[in-house]
Each structure stands twice: as structure tokens, then as C-alpha cells.
């Protein structure tokens, strides 16, 4: 029972982190489509703030033992790749 509960907490923690990463991606997409260009300081500030917040969430989950360090790193890396592709696509417009 205790190990099953721990697995559920780990799955839930990772799921919440994935959801937060998805929110950042959607926020940046909306910002790029409607508000600002990637070279705008506001865009960079929002992106930096959101990515910092997510990295702190991941660090906290790792310290609690809810997320493996490698999984957390892969989540950040994946989001950074998606954001980079989005940035490149917008600058080609």
C-alpha cells in the first residue's frame, strides 16, 4: 500500500510538471502569435520567468523524491527544444 501510494504521488507530481510545461508552451505561442516578437524584452522576460519557475518546481519535486533527476532534466530539455522550434518558426514568418 505505501509503495503504491508513493508511485501515485510520483505519477501525479510528474503529470503536474508536464502540465505546467504545456502551459508555458501555450503562453509563449499566444504571446508570439498575438502580442510580441521573440526579440522583445517582454517576451524574453516572460520566458525567463516561466522557465525559472518550472525549474524550481522540478528541483523541489526531485528533492522530495517525487521525480527522478533525469526525468526532470528531460522535461526541461524537451520544453526548451519545443520553444526553440517555435522561435525559429516565428522568425521565418
Protein backbone atom coordinates (compact mmCIF):
# COMPACT_ATOMS: atom_id res chain seq x y z
CA UNK A 1 0.00 0.00 0.00
CA UNK A 2 2.73 2.51 0.93
CA UNK A 3 4.74 1.85 -2.24
CA UNK A 4 1.55 2.11 -4.31
CA UNK A 5 0.80 5.47 -2.71
CA UNK A 6 4.36 6.64 -3.42
CA UNK A 7 4.01 5.62 -7.08
CA UNK A 8 0.74 7.56 -7.32
CA UNK A 9 2.39 10.65 -5.82
CA UNK A 10 5.32 10.34 -8.24
CA UNK A 11 2.99 9.98 -11.22
CA UNK A 12 0.88 12.90 -10.09
CA UNK A 13 3.92 15.11 -9.48
CA UNK A 14 5.33 14.38 -12.95
CA UNK A 15 1.92 14.89 -14.53
CA UNK A 16 1.60 18.30 -12.85
CA UNK A 17 5.08 19.30 -14.05
CA UNK A 18 4.20 18.23 -17.60
CA UNK A 19 1.01 20.30 -17.39
CA UNK A 20 2.99 23.34 -16.25
CA UNK A 21 5.43 22.86 -19.13
CA UNK A 22 2.47 22.71 -21.50
CA UNK A 23 1.09 25.94 -20.05
CA UNK A 24 4.41 27.68 -20.66
CA UNK A 25 4.45 26.48 -24.26
CA UNK A 26 0.87 27.67 -24.84
CA UNK A 27 1.59 31.02 -23.18
CA UNK A 28 4.61 31.62 -25.39
CA UNK A 29 2.66 30.56 -28.52
CA UNK A 30 -0.10 33.06 -27.71
CA UNK A 31 2.43 35.75 -26.95
CA UNK A 32 4.27 35.16 -30.22
CA UNK A 33 1.08 34.95 -32.29
CA UNK A 34 -0.64 38.00 -30.85
CA UNK A 35 1.50 40.23 -28.74
CA UNK A 36 5.22 40.47 -29.21
CA UNK A 37 8.16 39.32 -31.25
CA UNK A 38 10.84 37.00 -29.83
CA UNK A 39 13.33 39.88 -29.76
CA UNK A 40 11.07 41.91 -27.46
CA UNK A 41 12.33 42.29 -23.87
CA UNK A 42 8.81 41.49 -22.59
CA UNK A 43 8.86 38.15 -24.43
CA UNK A 44 12.28 37.31 -23.02
CA UNK A 45 11.23 38.33 -19.50
CA UNK A 46 8.11 36.16 -19.57
CA UNK A 47 10.02 33.20 -20.98
CA UNK A 48 12.87 33.52 -18.47
CA UNK A 49 10.47 33.89 -15.54
CA UNK A 50 8.34 30.93 -16.56
CA UNK A 51 11.31 28.66 -17.24
CA UNK A 52 12.92 29.62 -13.93
CA UNK A 53 9.69 28.85 -12.09
CA UNK A 54 9.37 25.46 -13.76
CA UNK A 55 12.99 24.60 -13.00
CA UNK A 56 12.39 25.44 -9.32
CA UNK A 57 9.27 23.25 -9.28
CA UNK A 58 11.24 20.39 -10.79
CA UNK A 59 14.10 20.86 -8.31
CA UNK A 60 11.60 20.78 -5.45
CA UNK A 61 9.97 17.59 -6.73
CA UNK A 62 13.40 15.98 -7.13
CA UNK A 63 14.38 16.90 -3.57
CA UNK A 64 11.14 15.35 -2.31
CA UNK A 65 11.93 12.18 -4.23
CA UNK A 66 8.82 12.54 -6.38
CA UNK A 67 10.66 12.95 -9.70
CA UNK A 68 13.90 11.39 -10.87
CA UNK A 69 16.59 13.94 -11.68
CA UNK A 70 16.96 12.58 -15.22
CA UNK A 71 13.20 12.81 -15.86
CA UNK A 72 13.17 16.41 -14.66
CA UNK A 73 16.12 17.29 -16.89
CA UNK A 74 14.45 15.63 -19.88
CA UNK A 75 11.24 17.59 -19.25
CA UNK A 76 13.12 20.92 -19.26
CA UNK A 77 15.21 19.89 -22.28
CA UNK A 78 12.10 18.86 -24.21
CA UNK A 79 10.36 22.16 -23.46
CA UNK A 80 13.47 24.12 -24.48
CA UNK A 81 13.60 22.23 -27.80
CA UNK A 82 9.91 22.93 -28.47
CA UNK A 83 10.34 26.61 -27.61
CA UNK A 84 13.41 26.84 -29.84
CA UNK A 85 11.49 25.31 -32.76
CA UNK A 86 8.62 27.73 -32.12
CA UNK A 87 11.04 30.66 -32.05
CA UNK A 88 12.67 29.58 -35.32
CA UNK A 89 9.27 29.17 -36.99
CA UNK A 90 8.18 32.64 -35.91
CA UNK A 91 11.35 34.32 -37.13
CA UNK A 92 10.89 32.72 -40.56
CA UNK A 93 7.43 34.33 -40.97
